[in-house]
Amino acid sequence: MIYRNLKSCLDDLERTRQLVRIDEPIDPYIEAGAIQRRVFQAGGPALLFTNVKGTKFPMAANIFGTLARTKFIFRATLRRVEAMLSAKADPALVLKKPGLWPGLALGAWHTLPRT
């Protein structure tokens, strides 16, 4: 699945039980960081704090907390991301393998901001 925005990614994680929604009021300066750190160290799920004191916006944390979850998030685009990272790490590789050009061009196109 290719996500159009962060909300669709979080919805997918919640649907697959890889995200926990926390509705209790939390302090963004002390509690959020402490909770996130403990969950990360335990290899736990992504978090969505919906009642952050002092803001009307929710706060997501630990989205890329495990390698398995990161692979899940990028499952539809992992090969394209790997090709782009390889090209950035070794630009000469792009000249040696012209077959990468279409995928890199498409990947670059999708990284442009949408208005």
PDB file of N, CA and C in Angstrom:
ATOM      1  N   MET A   1       0.838  -1.173   0.000  1.00  0.00           N
ATOM      2  CA  MET A   1       0.000   0.000   0.000  1.00  0.00           C
ATOM      3  C   MET A   1       0.888   1.243   0.000  1.00  0.00           C
ATOM      4  N   ILE A   2       0.587   2.167  -0.862  1.00  0.00           N
ATOM      5  CA  ILE A   2       1.305   3.437  -0.903  1.00  0.00           C
ATOM      6  C   ILE A   2       0.441   4.462  -0.179  1.00  0.00           C
ATOM      7  N   TYR A   3       1.017   5.085   0.820  1.00  0.00           N
ATOM      8  CA  TYR A   3       0.267   6.028   1.642  1.00  0.00           C
ATOM      9  C   TYR A   3       0.293   7.417   1.031  1.00  0.00           C
ATOM     10  N   ARG A   4      -0.844   8.059   1.015  1.00  0.00           N
ATOM     11  CA  ARG A   4      -0.938   9.429   0.500  1.00  0.00           C
ATOM     12  C   ARG A   4      -0.587  10.451   1.574  1.00  0.00           C
ATOM     13  N   ASN A   5      -0.703  10.040   2.840  1.00  0.00           N
ATOM     14  CA  ASN A   5      -0.393  10.955   3.936  1.00  0.00           C
ATOM     15  C   ASN A   5      -0.138  10.140   5.203  1.00  0.00           C
ATOM     16  N   LEU A   6       0.272  10.818   6.256  1.00  0.00           N
ATOM     17  CA  LEU A   6       0.586  10.148   7.515  1.00  0.00           C
ATOM     18  C   LEU A   6      -0.647   9.502   8.129  1.00  0.00           C
ATOM     19  N   LYS A   7      -1.796  10.136   7.986  1.00  0.00           N
ATOM     20  CA  LYS A   7      -3.022   9.579   8.559  1.00  0.00           C
ATOM     21  C   LYS A   7      -3.337   8.208   7.971  1.00  0.00           C
ATOM     22  N   SER A   8      -3.180   8.045   6.665  1.00  0.00           N
ATOM     23  CA  SER A   8      -3.468   6.741   6.063  1.00  0.00           C
ATOM     24  C   SER A   8      -2.473   5.685   6.549  1.00  0.00           C
ATOM     25  N   CYS A   9      -1.237   6.088   6.789  1.00  0.00           N
ATOM     26  CA  CYS A   9      -0.242   5.166   7.342  1.00  0.00           C
ATOM     27  C   CYS A   9      -0.636   4.754   8.760  1.00  0.00           C
ATOM     28  N   LEU A  10      -1.008   5.719   9.580  1.00  0.00           N
ATOM     29  CA  LEU A  10      -1.408   5.416  10.956  1.00  0.00           C
ATOM     30  C   LEU A  10      -2.675   4.566  10.992  1.00  0.00           C
ATOM     31  N   ASP A  11      -3.622   4.831  10.098  1.00  0.00           N
ATOM     32  CA  ASP A  11      -4.839   4.014  10.019  1.00  0.00           C
ATOM     33  C   ASP A  11      -4.496   2.569   9.675  1.00  0.00           C
ATOM     34  N   ASP A  12      -3.554   2.379   8.752  1.00  0.00           N
ATOM     35  CA  ASP A  12      -3.131   1.033   8.368  1.00  0.00           C
ATOM     36  C   ASP A  12      -2.449   0.333   9.545  1.00  0.00           C
ATOM     37  N   LEU A  13      -1.595   1.038  10.258  1.00  0.00           N
ATOM     38  CA  LEU A  13      -0.939   0.449  11.429  1.00  0.00           C
ATOM     39  C   LEU A  13      -1.966   0.080  12.498  1.00  0.00           C
ATOM     40  N   GLU A  14      -2.948   0.931  12.704  1.00  0.00           N
ATOM     41  CA  GLU A  14      -3.980   0.638  13.705  1.00  0.00           C
ATOM     42  C   GLU A  14      -4.835  -0.552  13.274  1.00  0.00           C
ATOM     43  N   ARG A  15      -5.155  -0.630  12.006  1.00  0.00           N
ATOM     44  CA  ARG A  15      -5.963  -1.728  11.476  1.00  0.00           C
ATOM     45  C   ARG A  15      -5.251  -3.075  11.655  1.00  0.00           C
ATOM     46  N   THR A  16      -3.915  -3.063  11.567  1.00  0.00           N
ATOM     47  CA  THR A  16      -3.139  -4.298  11.705  1.00  0.00           C
ATOM     48  C   THR A  16      -2.595  -4.476  13.123  1.00  0.00           C
ATOM     49  N   ARG A  17      -3.116  -3.706  14.059  1.00  0.00           N
ATOM     50  CA  ARG A  17      -2.771  -3.795  15.480  1.00  0.00           C
ATOM     51  C   ARG A  17      -1.294  -3.528  15.762  1.00  0.00           C
ATOM     52  N   GLN A  18      -0.710  -2.621  14.983  1.00  0.00           N
ATOM     53  CA  GLN A  18       0.673  -2.219  15.197  1.00  0.00           C
ATOM     54  C   GLN A  18       0.748  -0.809  15.777  1.00  0.00           C
ATOM     55  N   LEU A  19      -0.401  -0.264  16.141  1.00  0.00           N
ATOM     56  CA  LEU A  19      -0.465   1.077  16.715  1.00  0.00           C
ATOM     57  C   LEU A  19      -1.436   1.059  17.889  1.00  0.00           C
ATOM     58  N   VAL A  20      -1.032   1.727  18.968  1.00  0.00           N
ATOM     59  CA  VAL A  20      -1.895   1.854  20.138  1.00  0.00           C
ATOM     60  C   VAL A  20      -2.281   3.319  20.275  1.00  0.00           C
ATOM     61  N   ARG A  21      -3.556   3.555  20.430  1.00  0.00           N
ATOM     62  CA  ARG A  21      -4.093   4.909  20.607  1.00  0.00           C
ATOM     63  C   ARG A  21      -4.177   5.182  22.107  1.00  0.00           C
ATOM     64  N   ILE A  22      -3.589   6.291  22.543  1.00  0.00           N
ATOM     65  CA  ILE A  22      -3.612   6.677  23.953  1.00  0.00           C
ATOM     66  C   ILE A  22      -4.455   7.943  24.071  1.00  0.00           C
ATOM     67  N   ASP A  23      -5.621   7.808  24.712  1.00  0.00           N
ATOM     68  CA  ASP A  23      -6.568   8.916  24.818  1.00  0.00           C
ATOM     69  C   ASP A  23      -6.447   9.701  26.125  1.00  0.00           C
ATOM     70  N   GLU A  24      -5.656   9.205  27.058  1.00  0.00           N
ATOM     71  CA  GLU A  24      -5.472   9.906  28.337  1.00  0.00           C
ATOM     72  C   GLU A  24      -4.686  11.193  28.111  1.00  0.00           C
ATOM     73  N   PRO A  25      -4.974  12.258  28.868  1.00  0.00           N
ATOM     74  CA  PRO A  25      -4.192  13.497  28.729  1.00  0.00           C
ATOM     75  C   PRO A  25      -2.737  13.260  29.144  1.00  0.00           C
ATOM     76  N   ILE A  26      -1.801  13.718  28.322  1.00  0.00           N
ATOM     77  CA  ILE A  26      -0.380  13.558  28.649  1.00  0.00           C
ATOM     78  C   ILE A  26       0.349  14.879  28.467  1.00  0.00           C
ATOM     79  N   ASP A  27       1.415  15.028  29.211  1.00  0.00           N
ATOM     80  CA  ASP A  27       2.286  16.196  29.099  1.00  0.00           C
ATOM     81  C   ASP A  27       3.267  15.937  27.957  1.00  0.00           C
ATOM     82  N   PRO A  28       3.344  16.821  26.960  1.00  0.00           N
ATOM     83  CA  PRO A  28       4.220  16.567  25.811  1.00  0.00           C
ATOM     84  C   PRO A  28       5.705  16.653  26.146  1.00  0.00           C
ATOM     85  N   TYR A  29       6.050  17.299  27.248  1.00  0.00           N
ATOM     86  CA  TYR A  29       7.455  17.505  27.568  1.00  0.00           C
ATOM     87  C   TYR A  29       8.041  16.398  28.439  1.00  0.00           C
ATOM     88  N   ILE A  30       7.231  15.776  29.266  1.00  0.00           N
ATOM     89  CA  ILE A  30       7.761  14.772  30.190  1.00  0.00           C
ATOM     90  C   ILE A  30       7.186  13.387  29.891  1.00  0.00           C
ATOM     91  N   GLU A  31       5.870  13.269  29.948  1.00  0.00           N
ATOM     92  CA  GLU A  31       5.238  11.958  29.841  1.00  0.00           C
ATOM     93  C   GLU A  31       5.373  11.333  28.458  1.00  0.00           C
ATOM     94  N   ALA A  32       5.174  12.109  27.408  1.00  0.00           N
ATOM     95  CA  ALA A  32       5.209  11.545  26.050  1.00  0.00           C
ATOM     96  C   ALA A  32       6.560  10.905  25.762  1.00  0.00           C
ATOM     97  N   GLY A  33       7.628  11.605  26.077  1.00  0.00           N
ATOM     98  CA  GLY A  33       8.967  11.067  25.832  1.00  0.00           C
ATOM     99  C   GLY A  33       9.263   9.833  26.659  1.00  0.00           C
ATOM    100  N   ALA A  34       8.845   9.841  27.929  1.00  0.00           N
ATOM    101  CA  ALA A  34       9.088   8.690  28.801  1.00  0.00           C
ATOM    102  C   ALA A  34       8.322   7.461  28.310  1.00  0.00           C
ATOM    103  N   ILE A  35       7.073   7.654  27.937  1.00  0.00           N
ATOM    104  CA  ILE A  35       6.266   6.539  27.426  1.00  0.00           C
ATOM    105  C   ILE A  35       6.869   6.007  26.137  1.00  0.00           C
ATOM    106  N   GLN A  36       7.192   6.908  25.217  1.00  0.00           N
ATOM    107  CA  GLN A  36       7.744   6.488  23.928  1.00  0.00           C
ATOM    108  C   GLN A  36       9.048   5.734  24.117  1.00  0.00           C
ATOM    109  N   ARG A  37       9.923   6.211  24.982  1.00  0.00           N
ATOM    110  CA  ARG A  37      11.220   5.565  25.200  1.00  0.00           C
ATOM    111  C   ARG A  37      11.042   4.141  25.736  1.00  0.00           C
ATOM    112  N   ARG A  38      10.144   3.963  26.681  1.00  0.00           N
ATOM    113  CA  ARG A  38       9.917   2.625  27.248  1.00  0.00           C
ATOM    114  C   ARG A  38       9.309   1.674  26.215  1.00  0.00           C
ATOM    115  N   VAL A  39       8.371   2.178  25.451  1.00  0.00           N
ATOM    116  CA  VAL A  39       7.746   1.333  24.423  1.00  0.00           C
ATOM    117  C   VAL A  39       8.775   0.955  23.361  1.00  0.00           C
ATOM    118  N   PHE A  40       9.612   1.908  22.956  1.00  0.00           N
ATOM    119  CA  PHE A  40      10.649   1.634  21.962  1.00  0.00           C
ATOM    120  C   PHE A  40      11.620   0.579  22.479  1.00  0.00           C
ATOM    121  N   GLN A  41      12.083   0.725  23.716  1.00  0.00           N
ATOM    122  CA  GLN A  41      13.043  -0.222  24.288  1.00  0.00           C
ATOM    123  C   GLN A  41      12.462  -1.627  24.389  1.00  0.00           C
ATOM    124  N   ALA A  42      11.153  -1.721  24.547  1.00  0.00           N
ATOM    125  CA  ALA A  42      10.494  -3.021  24.630  1.00  0.00           C
ATOM    126  C   ALA A  42      10.124  -3.573  23.257  1.00  0.00           C
ATOM    127  N   GLY A  43      10.425  -2.817  22.175  1.00  0.00           N
ATOM    128  CA  GLY A  43      10.055  -3.265  20.832  1.00  0.00           C
ATOM    129  C   GLY A  43       8.552  -3.222  20.615  1.00  0.00           C
ATOM    130  N   GLY A  44       7.895  -2.289  21.285  1.00  0.00           N
ATOM    131  CA  GLY A  44       6.439  -2.202  21.251  1.00  0.00           C
ATOM    132  C   GLY A  44       5.889  -1.497  20.027  1.00  0.00           C
ATOM    133  N   PRO A  45       4.587  -1.254  20.046  1.00  0.00           N
ATOM    134  CA  PRO A  45       3.889  -0.703  18.883  1.00  0.00           C
ATOM    135  C   PRO A  45       4.127   0.791  18.692  1.00  0.00           C
ATOM    136  N   ALA A  46       3.662   1.285  17.562  1.00  0.00           N
ATOM    137  CA  ALA A  46       3.626   2.729  17.335  1.00  0.00           C
ATOM    138  C   ALA A  46       2.574   3.310  18.276  1.00  0.00           C
ATOM    139  N   LEU A  47       2.710   4.591  18.579  1.00  0.00           N
ATOM    140  CA  LEU A  47       1.809   5.234  19.530  1.00  0.00           C
ATOM    141  C   LEU A  47       1.136   6.439  18.891  1.00  0.00           C
ATOM    142  N   LEU A  48      -0.115   6.654  19.257  1.00  0.00           N
ATOM    143  CA  LEU A  48      -0.824   7.856  18.837  1.00  0.00           C
ATOM    144  C   LEU A  48      -1.444   8.482  20.078  1.00  0.00           C
ATOM    145  N   PHE A  49      -0.849   9.593  20.518  1.00  0.00           N
ATOM    146  CA  PHE A  49      -1.363  10.337  21.663  1.00  0.00           C
ATOM    147  C   PHE A  49      -2.419  11.306  21.132  1.00  0.00           C
ATOM    148  N   THR A  50      -3.665  11.114  21.536  1.00  0.00           N
ATOM    149  CA  THR A  50      -4.750  11.931  20.989  1.00  0.00           C
ATOM    150  C   THR A  50      -5.131  13.107  21.877  1.00  0.00           C
ATOM    151  N   ASN A  51      -4.616  13.137  23.104  1.00  0.00           N
ATOM    152  CA  ASN A  51      -4.994  14.190  24.047  1.00  0.00           C
ATOM    153  C   ASN A  51      -3.728  14.788  24.670  1.00  0.00           C
ATOM    154  N   VAL A  52      -2.986  15.533  23.868  1.00  0.00           N
ATOM    155  CA  VAL A  52      -1.729  16.132  24.312  1.00  0.00           C
ATOM    156  C   VAL A  52      -2.029  17.506  24.900  1.00  0.00           C
ATOM    157  N   LYS A  53      -1.589  17.717  26.121  1.00  0.00           N
ATOM    158  CA  LYS A  53      -1.858  18.990  26.812  1.00  0.00           C
ATOM    159  C   LYS A  53      -1.243  20.155  26.046  1.00  0.00           C
ATOM    160  N   GLY A  54      -2.021  21.215  25.882  1.00  0.00           N
ATOM    161  CA  GLY A  54      -1.526  22.429  25.254  1.00  0.00           C
ATOM    162  C   GLY A  54      -1.620  22.459  23.741  1.00  0.00           C
ATOM    163  N   THR A  55      -2.192  21.433  23.128  1.00  0.00           N
ATOM    164  CA  THR A  55      -2.335  21.430  21.672  1.00  0.00           C
ATOM    165  C   THR A  55      -3.614  20.709  21.270  1.00  0.00           C
ATOM    166  N   LYS A  56      -4.148  21.085  20.128  1.00  0.00           N
ATOM    167  CA  LYS A  56      -5.337  20.399  19.623  1.00  0.00           C
ATOM    168  C   LYS A  56      -4.962  19.285  18.653  1.00  0.00           C
ATOM    169  N   PHE A  57      -3.669  19.126  18.406  1.00  0.00           N
ATOM    170  CA  PHE A  57      -3.206  18.134  17.443  1.00  0.00           C
ATOM    171  C   PHE A  57      -2.771  16.848  18.132  1.00  0.00           C
ATOM    172  N   PRO A  58      -3.015  15.698  17.510  1.00  0.00           N
ATOM    173  CA  PRO A  58      -2.498  14.445  18.063  1.00  0.00           C
ATOM    174  C   PRO A  58      -0.990  14.340  17.799  1.00  0.00           C
ATOM    175  N   MET A  59      -0.339  13.425  18.486  1.00  0.00           N
ATOM    176  CA  MET A  59       1.099  13.244  18.327  1.00  0.00           C
ATOM    177  C   MET A  59       1.383  11.760  18.111  1.00  0.00           C
ATOM    178  N   ALA A  60       2.082  11.442  17.037  1.00  0.00           N
ATOM    179  CA  ALA A  60       2.458  10.062  16.745  1.00  0.00           C
ATOM    180  C   ALA A  60       3.905   9.839  17.163  1.00  0.00           C
ATOM    181  N   ALA A  61       4.199   8.637  17.638  1.00  0.00           N
ATOM    182  CA  ALA A  61       5.555   8.307  18.071  1.00  0.00           C
ATOM    183  C   ALA A  61       5.838   6.841  17.774  1.00  0.00           C
ATOM    184  N   ASN A  62       7.117   6.520  17.660  1.00  0.00           N
ATOM    185  CA  ASN A  62       7.575   5.139  17.513  1.00  0.00           C
ATOM    186  C   ASN A  62       7.058   4.480  16.227  1.00  0.00           C
ATOM    187  N   ILE A  63       6.786   5.279  15.221  1.00  0.00           N
ATOM    188  CA  ILE A  63       6.254   4.730  13.972  1.00  0.00           C
ATOM    189  C   ILE A  63       7.256   3.760  13.345  1.00  0.00           C
ATOM    190  N   PHE A  64       8.520   4.132  13.334  1.00  0.00           N
ATOM    191  CA  PHE A  64       9.564   3.284  12.763  1.00  0.00           C
ATOM    192  C   PHE A  64      10.355   2.589  13.872  1.00  0.00           C
ATOM    193  N   GLY A  65       9.681   2.212  14.955  1.00  0.00           N
ATOM    194  CA  GLY A  65      10.333   1.662  16.139  1.00  0.00           C
ATOM    195  C   GLY A  65      10.942   0.288  15.965  1.00  0.00           C
ATOM    196  N   THR A  66      10.483  -0.483  14.988  1.00  0.00           N
ATOM    197  CA  THR A  66      11.073  -1.800  14.737  1.00  0.00           C
ATOM    198  C   THR A  66      11.347  -1.941  13.240  1.00  0.00           C
ATOM    199  N   LEU A  67      12.313  -2.776  12.924  1.00  0.00           N
ATOM    200  CA  LEU A  67      12.634  -3.024  11.517  1.00  0.00           C
ATOM    201  C   LEU A  67      11.446  -3.670  10.805  1.00  0.00           C
ATOM    202  N   ALA A  68      10.770  -4.586  11.488  1.00  0.00           N
ATOM    203  CA  ALA A  68       9.611  -5.251  10.877  1.00  0.00           C
ATOM    204  C   ALA A  68       8.513  -4.241  10.532  1.00  0.00           C
ATOM    205  N   ARG A  69       8.267  -3.281  11.416  1.00  0.00           N
ATOM    206  CA  ARG A  69       7.231  -2.278  11.144  1.00  0.00           C
ATOM    207  C   ARG A  69       7.662  -1.348  10.016  1.00  0.00           C
ATOM    208  N   THR A  70       8.938  -1.000   9.983  1.00  0.00           N
ATOM    209  CA  THR A  70       9.439  -0.152   8.900  1.00  0.00           C
ATOM    210  C   THR A  70       9.279  -0.860   7.558  1.00  0.00           C
ATOM    211  N   LYS A  71       9.608  -2.146   7.511  1.00  0.00           N
ATOM    212  CA  LYS A  71       9.428  -2.916   6.271  1.00  0.00           C
ATOM    213  C   LYS A  71       7.950  -3.004   5.903  1.00  0.00           C
ATOM    214  N   PHE A  72       7.086  -3.132   6.904  1.00  0.00           N
ATOM    215  CA  PHE A  72       5.646  -3.172   6.645  1.00  0.00           C
ATOM    216  C   PHE A  72       5.176  -1.858   6.026  1.00  0.00           C
ATOM    217  N   ILE A  73       5.633  -0.748   6.576  1.00  0.00           N
ATOM    218  CA  ILE A  73       5.217   0.563   6.077  1.00  0.00           C
ATOM    219  C   ILE A  73       5.681   0.772   4.637  1.00  0.00           C
ATOM    220  N   PHE A  74       6.897   0.343   4.335  1.00  0.00           N
ATOM    221  CA  PHE A  74       7.460   0.560   3.000  1.00  0.00           C
ATOM    222  C   PHE A  74       7.320  -0.661   2.094  1.00  0.00           C
ATOM    223  N   ARG A  75       6.434  -1.589   2.419  1.00  0.00           N
ATOM    224  CA  ARG A  75       6.338  -2.841   1.665  1.00  0.00           C
ATOM    225  C   ARG A  75       6.066  -2.635   0.180  1.00  0.00           C
ATOM    226  N   ALA A  76       5.315  -1.625  -0.183  1.00  0.00           N
ATOM    227  CA  ALA A  76       4.983  -1.398  -1.594  1.00  0.00           C
ATOM    228  C   ALA A  76       6.084  -0.656  -2.335  1.00  0.00           C
ATOM    229  N   THR A  77       6.952   0.015  -1.607  1.00  0.00           N
ATOM    230  CA  THR A  77       7.963   0.855  -2.252  1.00  0.00           C
ATOM    231  C   THR A  77       9.383   0.515  -1.816  1.00  0.00           C
ATOM    232  N   LEU A  78       9.563  -0.590  -1.105  1.00  0.00           N
ATOM    233  CA  LEU A  78      10.870  -0.906  -0.534  1.00  0.00           C
ATOM    234  C   LEU A  78      11.960  -1.015  -1.595  1.00  0.00           C
ATOM    235  N   ARG A  79      11.674  -1.670  -2.694  1.00  0.00           N
ATOM    236  CA  ARG A  79      12.704  -1.812  -3.740  1.00  0.00           C
ATOM    237  C   ARG A  79      13.086  -0.457  -4.326  1.00  0.00           C
ATOM    238  N   ARG A  80      12.103   0.397  -4.515  1.00  0.00           N
ATOM    239  CA  ARG A  80      12.379   1.724  -5.060  1.00  0.00           C
ATOM    240  C   ARG A  80      13.209   2.547  -4.066  1.00  0.00           C
ATOM    241  N   VAL A  81      12.875   2.450  -2.795  1.00  0.00           N
ATOM    242  CA  VAL A  81      13.632   3.170  -1.765  1.00  0.00           C
ATOM    243  C   VAL A  81      15.059   2.641  -1.701  1.00  0.00           C
ATOM    244  N   GLU A  82      15.221   1.323  -1.757  1.00  0.00           N
ATOM    245  CA  GLU A  82      16.565   0.734  -1.741  1.00  0.00           C
ATOM    246  C   GLU A  82      17.378   1.207  -2.939  1.00  0.00           C
ATOM    247  N   ALA A  83      16.759   1.270  -4.113  1.00  0.00           N
ATOM    248  CA  ALA A  83      17.467   1.734  -5.313  1.00  0.00           C
ATOM    249  C   ALA A  83      17.878   3.194  -5.168  1.00  0.00           C
ATOM    250  N   MET A  84      16.994   4.009  -4.606  1.00  0.00           N
ATOM    251  CA  MET A  84      17.334   5.423  -4.425  1.00  0.00           C
ATOM    252  C   MET A  84      18.471   5.591  -3.420  1.00  0.00           C
ATOM    253  N   LEU A  85      18.450   4.816  -2.344  1.00  0.00           N
ATOM    254  CA  LEU A  85      19.525   4.902  -1.354  1.00  0.00           C
ATOM    255  C   LEU A  85      20.842   4.402  -1.929  1.00  0.00           C
ATOM    256  N   SER A  86      20.788   3.345  -2.742  1.00  0.00           N
ATOM    257  CA  SER A  86      22.004   2.841  -3.390  1.00  0.00           C
ATOM    258  C   SER A  86      22.574   3.884  -4.336  1.00  0.00           C
ATOM    259  N   ALA A  87      21.706   4.541  -5.081  1.00  0.00           N
ATOM    260  CA  ALA A  87      22.159   5.571  -6.022  1.00  0.00           C
ATOM    261  C   ALA A  87      22.777   6.748  -5.280  1.00  0.00           C
ATOM    262  N   LYS A  88      22.219   7.081  -4.137  1.00  0.00           N
ATOM    263  CA  LYS A  88      22.776   8.189  -3.363  1.00  0.00           C
ATOM    264  C   LYS A  88      24.122   7.798  -2.752  1.00  0.00           C
ATOM    265  N   ALA A  89      24.237   6.556  -2.292  1.00  0.00           N
ATOM    266  CA  ALA A  89      25.481   6.091  -1.679  1.00  0.00           C
ATOM    267  C   ALA A  89      26.591   5.934  -2.713  1.00  0.00           C
ATOM    268  N   ASP A  90      26.221   5.518  -3.931  1.00  0.00           N
ATOM    269  CA  ASP A  90      27.213   5.304  -4.990  1.00  0.00           C
ATOM    270  C   ASP A  90      26.648   5.850  -6.304  1.00  0.00           C
ATOM    271  N   PRO A  91      26.796   7.153  -6.565  1.00  0.00           N
ATOM    272  CA  PRO A  91      26.228   7.750  -7.778  1.00  0.00           C
ATOM    273  C   PRO A  91      26.740   7.114  -9.070  1.00  0.00           C
ATOM    274  N   ALA A  92      27.943   6.561  -9.057  1.00  0.00           N
ATOM    275  CA  ALA A  92      28.476   5.912 -10.257  1.00  0.00           C
ATOM    276  C   ALA A  92      27.651   4.685 -10.627  1.00  0.00           C
ATOM    277  N   LEU A  93      26.971   4.089  -9.655  1.00  0.00           N
ATOM    278  CA  LEU A  93      26.131   2.919  -9.910  1.00  0.00           C
ATOM    279  C   LEU A  93      25.033   3.240 -10.924  1.00  0.00           C
ATOM    280  N   VAL A  94      24.514   4.452 -10.876  1.00  0.00           N
ATOM    281  CA  VAL A  94      23.453   4.858 -11.802  1.00  0.00           C
ATOM    282  C   VAL A  94      23.967   4.834 -13.232  1.00  0.00           C
ATOM    283  N   LEU A  95      25.202   5.255 -13.436  1.00  0.00           N
ATOM    284  CA  LEU A  95      25.780   5.241 -14.780  1.00  0.00           C
ATOM    285  C   LEU A  95      26.078   3.823 -15.244  1.00  0.00           C
ATOM    286  N   LYS A  96      26.429   2.952 -14.312  1.00  0.00           N
ATOM    287  CA  LYS A  96      26.753   1.565 -14.656  1.00  0.00           C
ATOM    288  C   LYS A  96      25.508   0.735 -14.951  1.00  0.00           C
ATOM    289  N   LYS A  97      24.384   1.102 -14.355  1.00  0.00           N
ATOM    290  CA  LYS A  97      23.151   0.324 -14.510  1.00  0.00           C
ATOM    291  C   LYS A  97      22.017   1.227 -14.992  1.00  0.00           C
ATOM    292  N   PRO A  98      21.916   1.462 -16.293  1.00  0.00           N
ATOM    293  CA  PRO A  98      20.850   2.328 -16.811  1.00  0.00           C
ATOM    294  C   PRO A  98      19.446   1.790 -16.532  1.00  0.00           C
ATOM    295  N   GLY A  99      19.333   0.523 -16.211  1.00  0.00           N
ATOM    296  CA  GLY A  99      18.028  -0.051 -15.890  1.00  0.00           C
ATOM    297  C   GLY A  99      17.409   0.556 -14.639  1.00  0.00           C
ATOM    298  N   LEU A 100      18.227   1.197 -13.819  1.00  0.00           N
ATOM    299  CA  LEU A 100      17.719   1.840 -12.607  1.00  0.00           C
ATOM    300  C   LEU A 100      17.028   3.170 -12.891  1.00  0.00           C
ATOM    301  N   TRP A 101      17.325   3.770 -14.040  1.00  0.00           N
ATOM    302  CA  TRP A 101      16.845   5.123 -14.331  1.00  0.00           C
ATOM    303  C   TRP A 101      15.338   5.288 -14.218  1.00  0.00           C
ATOM    304  N   PRO A 102      14.526   4.408 -14.834  1.00  0.00           N
ATOM    305  CA  PRO A 102      13.070   4.625 -14.736  1.00  0.00           C
ATOM    306  C   PRO A 102      12.565   4.586 -13.290  1.00  0.00           C
ATOM    307  N   GLY A 103      13.051   3.628 -12.518  1.00  0.00           N
ATOM    308  CA  GLY A 103      12.622   3.527 -11.123  1.00  0.00           C
ATOM    309  C   GLY A 103      13.053   4.721 -10.300  1.00  0.00           C
ATOM    310  N   LEU A 104      14.272   5.204 -10.556  1.00  0.00           N
ATOM    311  CA  LEU A 104      14.763   6.372  -9.823  1.00  0.00           C
ATOM    312  C   LEU A 104      13.976   7.624 -10.199  1.00  0.00           C
ATOM    313  N   ALA A 105      13.684   7.752 -11.492  1.00  0.00           N
ATOM    314  CA  ALA A 105      12.916   8.917 -11.939  1.00  0.00           C
ATOM    315  C   ALA A 105      11.517   8.902 -11.327  1.00  0.00           C
ATOM    316  N   LEU A 106      10.891   7.732 -11.322  1.00  0.00           N
ATOM    317  CA  LEU A 106       9.556   7.610 -10.734  1.00  0.00           C
ATOM    318  C   LEU A 106       9.605   7.877  -9.230  1.00  0.00           C
ATOM    319  N   GLY A 107      10.618   7.344  -8.579  1.00  0.00           N
ATOM    320  CA  GLY A 107      10.775   7.585  -7.144  1.00  0.00           C
ATOM    321  C   GLY A 107      10.981   9.051  -6.841  1.00  0.00           C
ATOM    322  N   ALA A 108      11.800   9.716  -7.640  1.00  0.00           N
ATOM    323  CA  ALA A 108      12.036  11.148  -7.442  1.00  0.00           C
ATOM    324  C   ALA A 108      10.744  11.940  -7.658  1.00  0.00           C
ATOM    325  N   TRP A 109       9.972  11.545  -8.658  1.00  0.00           N
ATOM    326  CA  TRP A 109       8.705  12.223  -8.936  1.00  0.00           C
ATOM    327  C   TRP A 109       7.770  12.137  -7.727  1.00  0.00           C
ATOM    328  N   HIS A 110       7.714  10.970  -7.097  1.00  0.00           N
ATOM    329  CA  HIS A 110       6.807  10.776  -5.963  1.00  0.00           C
ATOM    330  C   HIS A 110       7.280  11.466  -4.687  1.00  0.00           C
ATOM    331  N   THR A 111       8.521  11.913  -4.653  1.00  0.00           N
ATOM    332  CA  THR A 111       8.996  12.623  -3.464  1.00  0.00           C
ATOM    333  C   THR A 111       8.688  14.114  -3.519  1.00  0.00           C
ATOM    334  N   LEU A 112       8.247  14.597  -4.679  1.00  0.00           N
ATOM    335  CA  LEU A 112       7.920  16.017  -4.800  1.00  0.00           C
ATOM    336  C   LEU A 112       6.698  16.359  -3.954  1.00  0.00           C
ATOM    337  N   PRO A 113       6.699  17.524  -3.319  1.00  0.00           N
ATOM    338  CA  PRO A 113       5.535  17.918  -2.511  1.00  0.00           C
ATOM    339  C   PRO A 113       4.301  18.116  -3.380  1.00  0.00           C
ATOM    340  N   ARG A 114       3.168  17.740  -2.840  1.00  0.00           N
ATOM    341  CA  ARG A 114       1.896  17.930  -3.549  1.00  0.00           C
ATOM    342  C   ARG A 114       1.173  19.108  -2.919  1.00  0.00           C
ATOM    343  N   THR A 115       0.512  19.881  -3.768  1.00  0.00           N
ATOM    344  CA  THR A 115      -0.235  21.025  -3.235  1.00  0.00           C
ATOM    345  C   THR A 115      -1.722  20.795  -3.306  1.00  0.00           C
TER     346      THR A 115
END
